[in-house]
Amino acid sequence: MKHSDCKNFTPLDAFKGICRANGGMVMIDSDTCHKFAQAPKCRNCIHFCEPNEEEIGTCKGLAYEYWTFADLNAKTCEGYQAK
C-alpha cells in the first residue's frame, strides 16, 4: 500500500501530498504509517473483476457492466462495497 491508497491522504500534485492523520508532507508512493485507512477505490470493491496488466477491469456493481481503472476513487459510487 502507498499513501495515495489512504483516506487520510490529500494530493497536492503528482508527487506529494499531505497526510491528514499526522499533518505532514508525504510522497505519494512512499510507505504508509500506522494510521492507514483504506480509501474507497475500485480495486478495493467486491464488484471490481478481471483486471488486466494495466489494471483496467470490469465493474459489475451497477445496472450495466463498465470498464474502470483500479485506482479510480469510488467515494461517490452507488455500487461500491469494500472487500
C-alpha atoms as a PDB file:
ATOM      1  CA  MET A   1       0.000   0.000   0.000  1.00  0.00           C
ATOM      2  CA  LYS A   2       1.056   3.576  -0.598  1.00  0.00           C
ATOM      3  CA  HIS A   3      -0.112   6.935   0.725  1.00  0.00           C
ATOM      4  CA  SER A   4      -2.406   7.551  -2.232  1.00  0.00           C
ATOM      5  CA  ASP A   5      -4.368   4.448  -1.144  1.00  0.00           C
ATOM      6  CA  CYS A   6      -5.245   6.024   2.228  1.00  0.00           C
ATOM      7  CA  LYS A   7      -8.354   8.028   3.179  1.00  0.00           C
ATOM      8  CA  ASN A   8      -6.108  10.403   5.124  1.00  0.00           C
ATOM      9  CA  PHE A   9      -4.093  11.436   2.049  1.00  0.00           C
ATOM     10  CA  THR A  10      -4.767  14.713   0.220  1.00  0.00           C
ATOM     11  CA  PRO A  11      -2.786  15.117  -3.034  1.00  0.00           C
ATOM     12  CA  LEU A  12      -1.050  18.406  -3.779  1.00  0.00           C
ATOM     13  CA  ASP A  13       0.495  17.436  -7.112  1.00  0.00           C
ATOM     14  CA  ALA A  14       1.581  14.296  -8.982  1.00  0.00           C
ATOM     15  CA  PHE A  15       4.363  13.525  -6.484  1.00  0.00           C
ATOM     16  CA  LYS A  16       3.368  14.611  -2.989  1.00  0.00           C
ATOM     17  CA  GLY A  17       0.510  15.372  -0.646  1.00  0.00           C
ATOM     18  CA  ILE A  18      -0.477  15.906   2.953  1.00  0.00           C
ATOM     19  CA  CYS A  19      -1.263  13.189   5.461  1.00  0.00           C
ATOM     20  CA  ARG A  20      -4.292  14.489   7.366  1.00  0.00           C
ATOM     21  CA  ALA A  21      -3.669  11.940  10.122  1.00  0.00           C
ATOM     22  CA  ASN A  22      -0.229  13.260  11.076  1.00  0.00           C
ATOM     23  CA  GLY A  23      -0.270  16.667   9.346  1.00  0.00           C
ATOM     24  CA  GLY A  24       2.967  16.115   7.460  1.00  0.00           C
ATOM     25  CA  MET A  25       4.019  16.242   3.830  1.00  0.00           C
ATOM     26  CA  VAL A  26       4.424  12.779   2.238  1.00  0.00           C
ATOM     27  CA  MET A  27       5.448  11.421  -1.133  1.00  0.00           C
ATOM     28  CA  ILE A  28       2.550   9.799  -2.983  1.00  0.00           C
ATOM     29  CA  ASP A  29       4.219   6.389  -3.394  1.00  0.00           C
ATOM     30  CA  SER A  30       6.003   6.143  -0.040  1.00  0.00           C
ATOM     31  CA  ASP A  31       5.136   3.574   2.623  1.00  0.00           C
ATOM     32  CA  THR A  32       2.110   4.222   4.812  1.00  0.00           C
ATOM     33  CA  CYS A  33       2.046   4.923   8.524  1.00  0.00           C
ATOM     34  CA  HIS A  34       0.242   3.081  11.334  1.00  0.00           C
ATOM     35  CA  LYS A  35      -2.835   5.333  10.830  1.00  0.00           C
ATOM     36  CA  PHE A  36      -3.516   3.918   7.339  1.00  0.00           C
ATOM     37  CA  ALA A  37      -7.230   3.752   6.458  1.00  0.00           C
ATOM     38  CA  GLN A  38      -8.063   2.098   3.150  1.00  0.00           C
ATOM     39  CA  ALA A  39      -9.534   4.530   0.616  1.00  0.00           C
ATOM     40  CA  PRO A  40     -12.610   3.526  -1.396  1.00  0.00           C
ATOM     41  CA  LYS A  41     -11.099   2.724  -4.790  1.00  0.00           C
ATOM     42  CA  CYS A  42     -12.403   0.367  -7.452  1.00  0.00           C
ATOM     43  CA  ARG A  43      -9.626  -2.158  -6.705  1.00  0.00           C
ATOM     44  CA  ASN A  44     -10.975  -2.425  -3.144  1.00  0.00           C
ATOM     45  CA  CYS A  45     -14.554  -3.171  -4.230  1.00  0.00           C
ATOM     46  CA  ILE A  46     -16.109  -6.631  -4.402  1.00  0.00           C
ATOM     47  CA  HIS A  47     -17.610  -5.723  -7.794  1.00  0.00           C
ATOM     48  CA  PHE A  48     -14.259  -4.984  -9.497  1.00  0.00           C
ATOM     49  CA  CYS A  49     -13.409  -8.005 -11.668  1.00  0.00           C
ATOM     50  CA  GLU A  50     -10.875  -9.291 -14.177  1.00  0.00           C
ATOM     51  CA  PRO A  51      -8.232  -6.532 -14.165  1.00  0.00           C
ATOM     52  CA  ASN A  52      -5.675  -6.729 -16.962  1.00  0.00           C
ATOM     53  CA  GLU A  53      -1.943  -5.907 -16.786  1.00  0.00           C
ATOM     54  CA  GLU A  54      -2.793  -2.175 -16.972  1.00  0.00           C
ATOM     55  CA  GLU A  55      -5.197  -2.542 -14.004  1.00  0.00           C
ATOM     56  CA  ILE A  56      -8.302  -1.939 -16.098  1.00  0.00           C
ATOM     57  CA  GLY A  57     -11.137  -4.191 -15.009  1.00  0.00           C
ATOM     58  CA  THR A  58     -14.882  -4.569 -15.129  1.00  0.00           C
ATOM     59  CA  CYS A  59     -17.319  -3.096 -12.632  1.00  0.00           C
ATOM     60  CA  LYS A  60     -20.247  -5.450 -12.066  1.00  0.00           C
ATOM     61  CA  GLY A  61     -21.876  -3.476  -9.245  1.00  0.00           C
ATOM     62  CA  LEU A  62     -24.090  -1.139 -11.275  1.00  0.00           C
ATOM     63  CA  ALA A  63     -27.015  -1.636 -13.659  1.00  0.00           C
ATOM     64  CA  TYR A  64     -24.599  -2.140 -16.567  1.00  0.00           C
ATOM     65  CA  GLU A  65     -21.059  -3.505 -16.656  1.00  0.00           C
ATOM     66  CA  TYR A  66     -18.407  -0.845 -17.216  1.00  0.00           C
ATOM     67  CA  TRP A  67     -14.659  -0.857 -17.721  1.00  0.00           C
ATOM     68  CA  THR A  68     -12.885   1.037 -14.984  1.00  0.00           C
ATOM     69  CA  PHE A  69      -9.422   1.759 -13.628  1.00  0.00           C
ATOM     70  CA  ALA A  70      -8.399   0.001 -10.420  1.00  0.00           C
ATOM     71  CA  ASP A  71      -7.090   3.268  -8.972  1.00  0.00           C
ATOM     72  CA  LEU A  72     -10.325   5.217  -9.585  1.00  0.00           C
ATOM     73  CA  ASN A  73     -11.736   6.873  -6.459  1.00  0.00           C
ATOM     74  CA  ALA A  74     -15.071   5.214  -5.641  1.00  0.00           C
ATOM     75  CA  LYS A  75     -16.069   7.584  -2.831  1.00  0.00           C
ATOM     76  CA  THR A  76     -19.356   8.525  -4.504  1.00  0.00           C
ATOM     77  CA  CYS A  77     -20.068   5.244  -6.324  1.00  0.00           C
ATOM     78  CA  GLU A  78     -23.528   3.813  -5.631  1.00  0.00           C
ATOM     79  CA  GLY A  79     -22.322   0.247  -6.121  1.00  0.00           C
ATOM     80  CA  TYR A  80     -19.141   0.371  -4.032  1.00  0.00           C
ATOM     81  CA  GLN A  81     -18.816  -2.336  -1.384  1.00  0.00           C
ATOM     82  CA  ALA A  82     -15.480  -2.821   0.360  1.00  0.00           C
ATOM     83  CA  LYS A  83     -13.867  -6.245   0.132  1.00  0.00           C
END
